[in-house]
């Protein structure tokens, strides 16, 4: 599943899809079919359906785990799905699952495994694939979402929460982490009316008592879940986890993804812990190499330190040297390139060779960039003083092609960046650009109007023949003269907020940076 984050935070978290589930004993009950040799949903679903009424909690939890695995595969074209038949079979198995949960038949491990399997399914079907099983499960689990009503997922997870509370002390660290992560993925935070506590608050108290037993991946999943919008931050949870890591961990057992996701989570939650931040930065900077970190993990780390304003010159220098030394940046997505540049610009960390390397990779990938990626990338170069005429000239056609999708912030960042770097780009700044600017006239903030004023004055100096319409020009002048702005930091906060929306979703948790395996952190 995904890697998180943030994004961002940046980026988003690189998604830990939860601890991997061992299913070697899914036939431990004589009531359960042996699904281990099934190669597709087309094979497994009818088998499970035939035994649905007699399946044990272990067998049902294994079924949902395997379903999430098979959904990642290419559709089975040899045995086309009979939609109505498979829909009935899934509904029946889901009904028996919920009935067994409500009857308290499920133990803590089966509750955690079932919730994690269902959460992975929800995450997969949210991405609108064309396979029949995905469509069936999307309708079944998320069918009422468009109407604002409770979905089957939320009803089912409410049942899981209700069944978990009486036995919460039984959960070991791994199962507790998986349970919390699963609820974060499906964005379900039930509230219990007897004392007004939320499920997350109840589980946080339990997790705090078992911190010594949490492995690095389990800690990162725990923290990621509590960064979700609907998950209230439990008082002291982030502080206690940070204290635990700084006081008891050498970080040698933390892999690159664990480290990236933890620093991302603290930045996303706006939880400051200088001792943890310094320990993480020093550890990463002093590693023999950074090969354990993929491009998104590096971007998430940089974003986190830039966002939290706890920039480490040692860390940023180490990451810059690593990226510069890479043979190729083919593994960097446009989003990772954009976030990396933004982090160095926002932190005022200068590295001309790094920006040159990022620029070359971006030019080769420019048609994969979104308007958001372009705005942030060009803004970062101008803000960092990287006057790369080739970059700005090369990107002009891409910007022109995306004018219709640019929002007010992206337009002003792009305009301001070209003005600062002084690359005229007449093919970009024409009537179409003016029309795009005019459409957003009522949406600009004062800071954005000030940036657009900078561009307007630059265009007048160039005698380009494309002045802003008078009404907009007057607003820009008023904004620019009402407050003296600092171009290098003017839009940093708004860009930070924008990147936070990207990442962190993430980083599905953990984000929008995903890898398809069970060892990744969201």
Protein backbone atom coordinates (compact mmCIF):
# COMPACT_ATOMS: atom_id res chain seq x y z
CA UNK A 1 0.00 0.00 0.00
CA UNK A 2 1.05 3.56 0.27
CA UNK A 3 3.99 5.32 1.53
CA UNK A 4 3.26 8.41 3.32
CA UNK A 5 2.91 11.61 3.31
CA UNK A 6 2.13 14.73 3.15
CA UNK A 7 1.18 14.71 1.81
CA UNK A 8 2.43 17.49 2.56
CA UNK A 9 2.96 17.51 4.35
CA UNK A 10 4.40 17.31 2.33
CA UNK A 11 4.33 14.94 1.27
CA UNK A 12 2.50 12.54 2.81
CA UNK A 13 3.38 9.80 4.71
CA UNK A 14 4.87 6.92 3.04
CA UNK A 15 2.21 4.48 3.67
CA UNK A 16 2.72 1.71 6.00
CA UNK A 17 -0.07 -0.53 5.10
CA UNK A 18 0.04 -1.91 8.55
CA UNK A 19 2.05 -4.85 9.75
CA UNK A 20 1.90 -7.75 7.37
CA UNK A 21 -0.53 -10.48 8.30
CA UNK A 22 0.54 -14.08 8.52
CA UNK A 23 -2.08 -16.38 7.01
CA UNK A 24 -0.27 -19.68 7.06
CA UNK A 25 -2.85 -21.11 9.43
CA UNK A 26 -6.04 -19.88 7.89
CA UNK A 27 -7.42 -23.38 7.91
CA UNK A 28 -6.86 -23.86 11.61
CA UNK A 29 -10.55 -24.48 12.03
CA UNK A 30 -12.17 -27.50 10.41
CA UNK A 31 -15.11 -25.24 9.57
CA UNK A 32 -12.99 -23.08 7.24
CA UNK A 33 -12.22 -23.74 3.58
CA UNK A 34 -8.56 -23.90 2.64
CA UNK A 35 -8.15 -20.70 0.66
CA UNK A 36 -4.36 -20.77 0.60
CA UNK A 37 -4.19 -22.34 -2.84
CA UNK A 38 -6.64 -19.93 -4.48
CA UNK A 39 -5.11 -17.75 -7.20
CA UNK A 40 -7.87 -15.20 -7.69
CA UNK A 41 -11.08 -13.78 -6.28
CA UNK A 42 -12.98 -15.74 -8.89
CA UNK A 43 -11.72 -18.92 -7.19
CA UNK A 44 -11.85 -17.81 -3.57
CA UNK A 45 -15.17 -15.97 -3.25
CA UNK A 46 -17.43 -18.89 -4.27
CA UNK A 47 -15.44 -21.19 -1.96
CA UNK A 48 -15.85 -18.83 1.01
CA UNK A 49 -19.52 -18.23 0.17
CA UNK A 50 -20.23 -21.96 0.29
CA UNK A 51 -18.87 -22.06 3.85
CA UNK A 52 -19.97 -18.59 4.99
CA UNK A 53 -22.38 -19.75 7.68
CA UNK A 54 -19.85 -22.03 9.32
CA UNK A 55 -16.62 -20.05 8.92
CA UNK A 56 -14.74 -19.19 12.09
CA UNK A 57 -13.58 -15.64 12.92
CA UNK A 58 -10.08 -16.69 11.86
CA UNK A 59 -11.36 -17.88 8.50
CA UNK A 60 -13.42 -14.72 7.93
CA UNK A 61 -10.49 -12.46 8.81
CA UNK A 62 -8.26 -14.44 6.44
CA UNK A 63 -10.83 -14.03 3.68
CA UNK A 64 -10.75 -10.23 3.89
CA UNK A 65 -6.96 -10.23 4.06
CA UNK A 66 -6.73 -12.34 0.91
CA UNK A 67 -9.37 -10.23 -0.82
CA UNK A 68 -7.20 -7.12 -0.38
CA UNK A 69 -4.28 -9.05 -1.85
CA UNK A 70 -6.19 -10.30 -4.91
CA UNK A 71 -7.65 -6.86 -5.63
CA UNK A 72 -4.13 -5.66 -6.47
CA UNK A 73 -3.83 -8.23 -9.22
CA UNK A 74 -4.87 -7.81 -12.81
CA UNK A 75 -8.48 -8.94 -13.46
CA UNK A 76 -8.91 -12.60 -14.36
CA UNK A 77 -10.01 -12.47 -18.00
CA UNK A 78 -10.18 -16.25 -18.37
CA UNK A 79 -13.03 -16.54 -15.90
CA UNK A 80 -15.15 -13.43 -16.33
CA UNK A 81 -17.07 -12.40 -13.24
CA UNK A 82 -20.81 -12.82 -13.08
CA UNK A 83 -21.48 -9.49 -11.40
CA UNK A 84 -24.80 -10.27 -9.75
CA UNK A 85 -23.54 -13.61 -8.45
CA UNK A 86 -20.31 -12.23 -6.97
CA UNK A 87 -22.15 -9.25 -5.49
CA UNK A 88 -24.52 -11.61 -3.67
CA UNK A 89 -21.61 -13.72 -2.46
CA UNK A 90 -19.69 -10.72 -1.09
CA UNK A 91 -22.83 -9.37 0.61
CA UNK A 92 -23.46 -12.71 2.27
CA UNK A 93 -19.89 -13.07 3.55
CA UNK A 94 -19.87 -9.46 4.79
CA UNK A 95 -23.19 -10.00 6.60
CA UNK A 96 -21.85 -13.10 8.35
CA UNK A 97 -18.70 -11.20 9.28
CA UNK A 98 -20.65 -8.38 10.89
CA UNK A 99 -22.96 -10.82 12.66
CA UNK A 100 -20.00 -12.70 14.13
CA UNK A 101 -18.38 -9.45 15.27
CA UNK A 102 -21.57 -8.24 16.94
CA UNK A 103 -21.96 -11.57 18.73
CA UNK A 104 -18.52 -11.11 20.35
CA UNK A 105 -17.18 -14.20 18.57
CA UNK A 106 -14.09 -12.33 17.37
CA UNK A 107 -10.99 -12.15 19.54
CA UNK A 108 -8.58 -9.21 19.47
CA UNK A 109 -6.32 -10.66 16.78
CA UNK A 110 -9.22 -11.44 14.43
CA UNK A 111 -10.69 -7.96 14.96
CA UNK A 112 -7.36 -6.35 14.09
CA UNK A 113 -6.78 -8.58 11.06
CA UNK A 114 -10.31 -8.08 9.73
CA UNK A 115 -10.22 -4.32 10.15
CA UNK A 116 -6.83 -4.10 8.43
CA UNK A 117 -7.96 -6.26 5.51
CA UNK A 118 -11.15 -4.22 5.06
CA UNK A 119 -9.22 -0.95 5.33
CA UNK A 120 -6.86 -2.03 2.56
CA UNK A 121 -9.86 -2.97 0.43
CA UNK A 122 -11.45 0.45 1.01
CA UNK A 123 -8.22 2.18 0.10
CA UNK A 124 -7.94 0.19 -3.11
CA UNK A 125 -11.55 0.62 -4.26
CA UNK A 126 -11.42 4.38 -3.66
CA UNK A 127 -9.12 4.45 -6.67
CA UNK A 128 -11.63 3.80 -9.36
CA UNK A 129 -10.35 0.68 -11.08
CA UNK A 130 -12.30 -0.99 -13.84
CA UNK A 131 -12.32 -4.54 -12.53
CA UNK A 132 -15.69 -5.98 -11.63
CA UNK A 133 -14.66 -7.03 -8.10
CA UNK A 134 -13.49 -3.49 -7.35
CA UNK A 135 -16.72 -2.02 -8.61
CA UNK A 136 -18.77 -4.49 -6.57
CA UNK A 137 -16.83 -3.79 -3.38
CA UNK A 138 -16.87 -0.04 -3.96
CA UNK A 139 -20.65 -0.07 -4.24
CA UNK A 140 -20.98 -2.44 -1.30
CA UNK A 141 -18.63 -0.65 1.11
CA UNK A 142 -18.86 2.98 -0.02
CA UNK A 143 -22.28 3.08 -1.66
CA UNK A 144 -23.84 5.89 0.41
CA UNK A 145 -20.79 8.16 0.52
CA UNK A 146 -22.00 10.40 -2.31
CA UNK A 147 -25.29 11.01 -0.49
CA UNK A 148 -23.61 11.90 2.77
CA UNK A 149 -25.13 8.93 4.58
CA UNK A 150 -23.30 6.31 6.62
CA UNK A 151 -21.56 3.75 4.45
CA UNK A 152 -21.46 0.04 5.10
CA UNK A 153 -17.81 0.54 5.99
CA UNK A 154 -18.61 2.95 8.81
CA UNK A 155 -21.41 0.72 10.11
CA UNK A 156 -19.09 -2.29 10.09
CA UNK A 157 -16.21 -0.41 11.72
CA UNK A 158 -18.55 0.88 14.38
CA UNK A 159 -19.30 -2.77 15.18
CA UNK A 160 -15.57 -3.55 15.30
CA UNK A 161 -14.99 -0.63 17.68
CA UNK A 162 -17.83 -1.72 19.95
CA UNK A 163 -16.48 -5.27 20.06
CA UNK A 164 -12.90 -4.10 20.68
CA UNK A 165 -13.46 -1.86 23.71
CA UNK A 166 -14.34 -4.58 26.25
CA UNK A 167 -11.25 -6.60 25.29
CA UNK A 168 -8.87 -3.71 24.57
CA UNK A 169 -6.46 -4.83 27.26
CA UNK A 170 -5.98 -8.11 25.37
CA UNK A 171 -4.56 -6.40 22.26
CA UNK A 172 -0.83 -6.76 21.83
CA UNK A 173 1.14 -3.86 20.32
CA UNK A 174 1.04 -5.20 16.79
CA UNK A 175 -2.70 -5.81 16.78
CA UNK A 176 -3.40 -2.49 18.45
CA UNK A 177 -1.29 -0.66 15.86
CA UNK A 178 -3.06 -2.44 13.01
CA UNK A 179 -6.47 -1.66 14.49
CA UNK A 180 -5.72 2.04 14.92
CA UNK A 181 -4.15 2.25 11.47
CA UNK A 182 -7.17 0.59 9.86
CA UNK A 183 -9.59 3.07 11.43
CA UNK A 184 -7.37 5.91 10.22
CA UNK A 185 -7.43 4.59 6.66
CA UNK A 186 -11.23 4.42 6.50
CA UNK A 187 -11.50 7.74 8.36
CA UNK A 188 -13.87 6.40 10.96
CA UNK A 189 -13.63 7.67 14.55
CA UNK A 190 -16.67 6.42 16.49
CA UNK A 191 -17.75 8.32 19.59
CA UNK A 192 -19.20 6.53 22.57
CA UNK A 193 -21.97 8.45 24.24
CA UNK A 194 -21.58 7.12 27.77
CA UNK A 195 -18.60 9.36 28.51
CA UNK A 196 -18.11 11.25 25.25
CA UNK A 197 -14.80 9.55 24.49
CA UNK A 198 -13.83 8.69 20.95
CA UNK A 199 -12.52 5.30 19.97
CA UNK A 200 -9.14 6.86 19.19
CA UNK A 201 -8.89 8.41 22.64
CA UNK A 202 -9.65 5.07 24.28
CA UNK A 203 -7.06 3.28 22.14
CA UNK A 204 -4.45 5.99 22.71
CA UNK A 205 -4.60 5.39 26.44
CA UNK A 206 -4.10 1.68 25.82
CA UNK A 207 -1.21 2.28 23.43
CA UNK A 208 0.62 4.51 25.89
CA UNK A 209 0.70 1.67 28.42
CA UNK A 210 2.24 -0.68 25.83
CA UNK A 211 4.78 1.60 24.13
CA UNK A 212 7.67 -0.61 25.17
CA UNK A 213 6.25 -3.40 23.00
CA UNK A 214 5.78 -1.34 19.82
CA UNK A 215 8.19 -1.96 16.97
CA UNK A 216 9.27 0.97 14.74
CA UNK A 217 6.72 0.26 11.98
CA UNK A 218 3.96 -0.09 14.54
CA UNK A 219 4.89 3.26 16.09
CA UNK A 220 4.84 4.97 12.69
CA UNK A 221 1.41 3.49 11.91
CA UNK A 222 0.13 4.61 15.29
CA UNK A 223 1.33 8.19 14.78
CA UNK A 224 0.07 8.33 11.21
CA UNK A 225 -3.46 7.41 12.25
CA UNK A 226 -3.56 10.27 14.75
CA UNK A 227 -2.73 12.82 12.05
CA UNK A 228 -5.99 12.14 10.22
CA UNK A 229 -8.45 15.02 10.17
CA UNK A 230 -11.13 13.15 12.09
CA UNK A 231 -8.77 11.69 14.67
CA UNK A 232 -8.54 13.94 17.74
CA UNK A 233 -5.02 14.21 19.08
CA UNK A 234 -4.87 12.39 22.37
CA UNK A 235 -3.34 14.64 25.01
CA UNK A 236 0.26 13.74 25.47
CA UNK A 237 0.37 10.85 22.98
CA UNK A 238 2.88 12.44 20.62
CA UNK A 239 5.01 13.69 23.50
CA UNK A 240 5.06 10.28 25.18
CA UNK A 241 5.94 8.47 21.95
CA UNK A 242 8.73 10.98 21.27
CA UNK A 243 10.06 10.57 24.80
CA UNK A 244 9.98 6.81 24.31
CA UNK A 245 11.93 7.00 21.04
CA UNK A 246 14.52 9.46 22.32
CA UNK A 247 15.07 7.75 25.67
CA UNK A 248 14.92 4.09 24.71
CA UNK A 249 15.74 3.69 21.04
CA UNK A 250 19.08 3.71 19.25
CA UNK A 251 17.27 4.10 15.89
CA UNK A 252 19.38 1.27 14.46
CA UNK A 253 16.24 -0.86 14.18
CA UNK A 254 14.35 1.87 12.29
CA UNK A 255 14.39 1.55 8.52
CA UNK A 256 14.22 4.48 6.13
CA UNK A 257 10.49 4.39 5.80
CA UNK A 258 9.94 4.24 9.56
CA UNK A 259 12.11 7.32 10.06
CA UNK A 260 10.45 9.22 7.23
CA UNK A 261 6.95 8.47 8.43
CA UNK A 262 7.63 9.39 12.04
CA UNK A 263 9.11 12.82 11.28
CA UNK A 264 6.32 13.37 8.75
CA UNK A 265 3.68 12.55 11.38
CA UNK A 266 5.07 15.05 13.90
CA UNK A 267 5.23 17.81 11.30
CA UNK A 268 1.73 17.05 10.03
CA UNK A 269 0.29 17.03 13.54
CA UNK A 270 2.18 20.26 14.33
CA UNK A 271 3.66 18.55 17.35
CA UNK A 272 7.11 19.90 18.19
CA UNK A 273 9.66 17.80 20.03
CA UNK A 274 13.15 19.30 19.47
CA UNK A 275 14.98 16.40 21.12
CA UNK A 276 13.34 13.86 18.80
CA UNK A 277 13.81 16.10 15.79
CA UNK A 278 17.52 16.52 16.47
CA UNK A 279 18.03 12.83 17.17
CA UNK A 280 16.36 11.83 13.92
CA UNK A 281 18.23 14.42 11.86
CA UNK A 282 21.61 13.48 13.30
CA UNK A 283 20.97 9.77 12.82
CA UNK A 284 19.95 10.14 9.16
CA UNK A 285 22.78 12.56 8.36
CA UNK A 286 25.41 10.21 9.80
CA UNK A 287 24.29 7.02 8.10
CA UNK A 288 26.89 5.43 5.82
CA UNK A 289 24.51 5.88 2.90
CA UNK A 290 20.91 6.83 2.25
CA UNK A 291 20.11 3.98 -0.10
CA UNK A 292 17.41 2.73 2.28
CA UNK A 293 15.36 5.87 1.55
CA UNK A 294 13.37 6.07 -1.65
CA UNK A 295 12.71 9.41 -3.29
CA UNK A 296 9.39 9.95 -1.57
CA UNK A 297 10.80 9.13 1.86
CA UNK A 298 13.56 11.70 1.32
CA UNK A 299 11.00 14.27 0.15
CA UNK A 300 8.84 13.59 3.20
CA UNK A 301 11.78 14.04 5.57
CA UNK A 302 12.81 17.32 3.97
CA UNK A 303 9.23 18.55 3.94
CA UNK A 304 8.82 17.70 7.61
CA UNK A 305 11.89 19.63 8.70
CA UNK A 306 11.05 22.61 6.50
CA UNK A 307 7.44 22.65 7.74
CA UNK A 308 8.35 22.41 11.40
CA UNK A 309 10.98 25.13 11.01
CA UNK A 310 13.49 22.83 12.66
CA UNK A 311 15.77 22.77 9.66
CA UNK A 312 19.04 20.87 10.10
CA UNK A 313 21.90 22.10 7.95
CA UNK A 314 23.67 18.78 8.53
CA UNK A 315 20.65 16.79 7.35
CA UNK A 316 19.90 18.96 4.32
CA UNK A 317 23.55 18.89 3.29
CA UNK A 318 23.70 15.10 3.58
CA UNK A 319 20.53 14.58 1.52
CA UNK A 320 21.72 17.05 -1.12
CA UNK A 321 25.02 15.19 -1.52
CA UNK A 322 23.14 11.90 -1.81
CA UNK A 323 20.80 13.16 -4.53
CA UNK A 324 23.62 14.86 -6.46
CA UNK A 325 25.60 11.61 -6.46
CA UNK A 326 22.72 9.55 -7.89
CA UNK A 327 23.21 8.38 -11.46
CA UNK A 328 19.63 9.25 -12.30
CA UNK A 329 16.54 10.78 -10.76
CA UNK A 330 14.20 8.51 -12.69
CA UNK A 331 12.76 7.30 -9.39
CA UNK A 332 11.65 10.81 -8.42
CA UNK A 333 8.06 11.64 -9.26
CA UNK A 334 7.19 15.23 -10.21
CA UNK A 335 5.69 15.58 -6.76
CA UNK A 336 8.91 14.40 -5.08
CA UNK A 337 10.98 16.78 -7.22
CA UNK A 338 8.65 19.65 -6.34
CA UNK A 339 8.59 18.93 -2.61
CA UNK A 340 12.36 18.52 -2.46
CA UNK A 341 12.98 21.87 -4.13
CA UNK A 342 10.32 23.53 -1.97
CA UNK A 343 11.89 22.23 1.23
CA UNK A 344 15.33 23.64 0.39
CA UNK A 345 13.85 26.98 -0.64
CA UNK A 346 11.64 27.27 2.44
CA UNK A 347 14.51 26.31 4.75
CA UNK A 348 16.87 28.71 2.96
CA UNK A 349 19.30 25.89 2.33
CA UNK A 350 21.39 26.71 -0.71
CA UNK A 351 22.70 23.93 -2.93
CA UNK A 352 23.16 25.04 -6.56
CA UNK A 353 24.30 21.59 -7.68
CA UNK A 354 21.21 20.00 -6.19
CA UNK A 355 18.88 22.47 -7.89
CA UNK A 356 20.72 21.91 -11.16
CA UNK A 357 20.16 18.16 -10.82
CA UNK A 358 16.49 18.61 -9.91
CA UNK A 359 16.04 21.02 -12.81
CA UNK A 360 17.43 18.58 -15.36
CA UNK A 361 15.13 15.83 -14.14
CA UNK A 362 12.13 18.16 -14.13
CA UNK A 363 12.71 19.31 -17.70
CA UNK A 364 12.71 15.71 -18.87
CA UNK A 365 9.49 15.00 -16.94
CA UNK A 366 7.76 18.35 -17.36
CA UNK A 367 4.69 17.02 -19.14
CA UNK A 368 3.99 14.80 -16.14
CA UNK A 369 3.86 17.81 -13.83
CA UNK A 370 0.56 19.17 -12.56
CA UNK A 371 -0.01 22.90 -12.30
CA UNK A 372 0.57 22.58 -8.57
CA UNK A 373 3.90 20.80 -9.09
CA UNK A 374 5.02 23.44 -11.60
CA UNK A 375 4.02 26.39 -9.43
CA UNK A 376 5.88 25.03 -6.42
CA UNK A 377 8.94 23.99 -8.42
CA UNK A 378 9.41 27.31 -10.21
CA UNK A 379 8.63 29.27 -7.04
CA UNK A 380 11.29 27.26 -5.21
CA UNK A 381 13.99 28.02 -7.76
CA UNK A 382 13.24 31.73 -7.76
CA UNK A 383 13.01 31.86 -3.96
CA UNK A 384 16.33 30.03 -3.58
CA UNK A 385 18.03 32.37 -6.04
CA UNK A 386 18.54 29.71 -8.71
CA UNK A 387 18.32 31.76 -11.91
CA UNK A 388 17.98 28.82 -14.27
CA UNK A 389 16.93 30.38 -17.57
CA UNK A 390 16.84 26.99 -19.31
CA UNK A 391 14.35 25.62 -16.76
CA UNK A 392 11.97 28.55 -17.06
CA UNK A 393 12.18 28.66 -20.84
CA UNK A 394 11.59 24.90 -21.10
CA UNK A 395 8.56 24.98 -18.82
CA UNK A 396 6.74 27.80 -20.63
CA UNK A 397 4.83 25.46 -23.01
CA UNK A 398 3.81 23.19 -20.10
CA UNK A 399 2.51 26.15 -18.11
CA UNK A 400 0.57 27.39 -21.14
CA UNK A 401 -1.05 23.99 -21.56
CA UNK A 402 -2.15 23.96 -17.90
CA UNK A 403 -3.42 27.52 -17.53
CA UNK A 404 -7.01 26.33 -17.35
CA UNK A 405 -6.27 24.17 -14.30
CA UNK A 406 -4.17 26.75 -12.40
CA UNK A 407 -5.72 28.18 -9.26
CA UNK A 408 -5.04 31.73 -8.07
CA UNK A 409 -2.04 30.70 -5.95
CA UNK A 410 -0.40 28.78 -8.76
CA UNK A 411 -0.85 31.63 -11.23
CA UNK A 412 0.73 34.18 -8.92
CA UNK A 413 3.61 31.89 -7.94
CA UNK A 414 4.41 31.22 -11.59
CA UNK A 415 4.13 34.88 -12.58
CA UNK A 416 6.24 36.03 -9.64
CA UNK A 417 8.92 33.39 -10.30
CA UNK A 418 9.34 34.36 -13.95
CA UNK A 419 9.60 38.01 -12.95
CA UNK A 420 12.26 37.32 -10.33
CA UNK A 421 14.34 35.14 -12.66
CA UNK A 422 13.70 37.61 -15.50
CA UNK A 423 12.79 35.14 -18.25
CA UNK A 424 10.31 36.97 -20.55
CA UNK A 425 8.57 33.88 -22.07
CA UNK A 426 6.33 35.78 -24.55
CA UNK A 427 4.70 32.52 -25.65
CA UNK A 428 3.35 32.13 -22.10
CA UNK A 429 2.50 35.66 -21.03
CA UNK A 430 -0.11 36.58 -23.61
CA UNK A 431 -3.86 37.13 -23.80
CA UNK A 432 -4.58 33.62 -22.55
CA UNK A 433 -2.52 34.25 -19.40
CA UNK A 434 -4.28 37.58 -18.81
CA UNK A 435 -7.68 35.91 -19.17
CA UNK A 436 -6.67 33.24 -16.68
CA UNK A 437 -5.57 35.93 -14.22
CA UNK A 438 -8.74 37.94 -14.69
CA UNK A 439 -10.95 34.90 -13.98
CA UNK A 440 -9.45 34.70 -10.50
CA UNK A 441 -9.76 38.43 -9.76
CA UNK A 442 -12.08 37.94 -6.78
CA UNK A 443 -10.06 35.08 -5.31
CA UNK A 444 -6.60 36.59 -4.81
CA UNK A 445 -5.27 37.24 -1.34
CA UNK A 446 -3.41 40.47 -0.65
CA UNK A 447 -0.10 38.62 -0.81
CA UNK A 448 -0.99 37.12 -4.18
CA UNK A 449 -2.02 40.50 -5.54
CA UNK A 450 1.34 41.84 -4.41
CA UNK A 451 3.11 39.09 -6.32
CA UNK A 452 1.02 39.76 -9.40
CA UNK A 453 1.93 43.44 -9.10
CA UNK A 454 5.61 42.47 -9.24
CA UNK A 455 4.92 40.58 -12.48
CA UNK A 456 2.86 43.44 -13.90
CA UNK A 457 5.62 45.99 -13.29
CA UNK A 458 8.12 43.63 -14.87
CA UNK A 459 5.93 43.23 -17.95
CA UNK A 460 5.59 47.00 -18.28
CA UNK A 461 9.36 47.30 -18.14
CA UNK A 462 9.65 44.74 -20.91
CA UNK A 463 7.04 46.65 -22.94
CA UNK A 464 5.42 43.30 -23.68
CA UNK A 465 2.12 44.81 -24.68
CA UNK A 466 0.17 42.66 -22.21
CA UNK A 467 -0.71 44.86 -19.25
CA UNK A 468 -3.16 43.68 -16.60
CA UNK A 469 -6.71 44.99 -17.02
CA UNK A 470 -7.07 48.26 -15.13
CA UNK A 471 -9.37 46.94 -12.38
CA UNK A 472 -6.98 44.14 -11.48
CA UNK A 473 -3.94 46.36 -11.89
CA UNK A 474 -5.35 48.83 -9.37
CA UNK A 475 -5.99 46.05 -6.83
CA UNK A 476 -2.44 44.77 -7.29
CA UNK A 477 -0.99 48.25 -6.78
CA UNK A 478 -3.04 48.81 -3.63
CA UNK A 479 -1.96 45.46 -2.20
CA UNK A 480 1.71 46.05 -3.03
CA UNK A 481 1.80 49.50 -1.46
CA UNK A 482 -0.17 48.59 1.65
CA UNK A 483 2.54 46.37 3.03
CA UNK A 484 6.17 45.81 2.09
CA UNK A 485 6.57 42.15 1.32
CA UNK A 486 9.56 39.86 1.27
CA UNK A 487 9.48 37.90 -2.00
CA UNK A 488 11.62 35.07 -0.72
CA UNK A 489 9.17 34.11 2.03
CA UNK A 490 5.88 35.71 1.02
CA UNK A 491 4.09 32.58 -0.05
CA UNK A 492 5.88 30.04 2.11
CA UNK A 493 2.98 29.46 4.49
CA UNK A 494 0.39 29.08 1.77
CA UNK A 495 2.61 26.74 -0.20
CA UNK A 496 3.19 24.75 2.98
CA UNK A 497 -0.54 24.37 3.48
CA UNK A 498 -0.97 23.30 -0.13
CA UNK A 499 1.77 20.70 0.10
CA UNK A 500 0.23 19.40 3.32
CA UNK A 501 -2.93 18.62 1.34
CA UNK A 502 -0.91 16.72 -1.24
CA UNK A 503 1.06 14.70 1.10
CA UNK A 504 -0.05 13.25 3.88
CA UNK A 505 -2.14 11.63 1.27
CA UNK A 506 -0.47 10.99 1.45
CA UNK A 507 0.06 9.88 2.71
CA UNK A 508 -3.63 7.36 2.81
CA UNK A 509 -2.09 7.54 5.10
CA UNK A 510 0.12 7.54 5.59
CA UNK A 511 -0.20 9.77 1.98
CA UNK A 512 -0.18 9.82 -1.27
CA UNK A 513 3.11 8.16 -1.79
CA UNK A 514 2.46 4.51 -2.20
CA UNK A 515 4.32 1.32 -2.69
CA UNK A 516 2.51 -1.93 -3.17
CA UNK A 517 3.78 -4.06 -0.34
CA UNK A 518 2.95 -4.72 3.24
CA UNK A 519 6.28 -3.58 4.61
CA UNK A 520 5.83 0.05 3.61
CA UNK A 521 4.58 2.78 5.84
CA UNK A 522 1.79 4.70 4.48
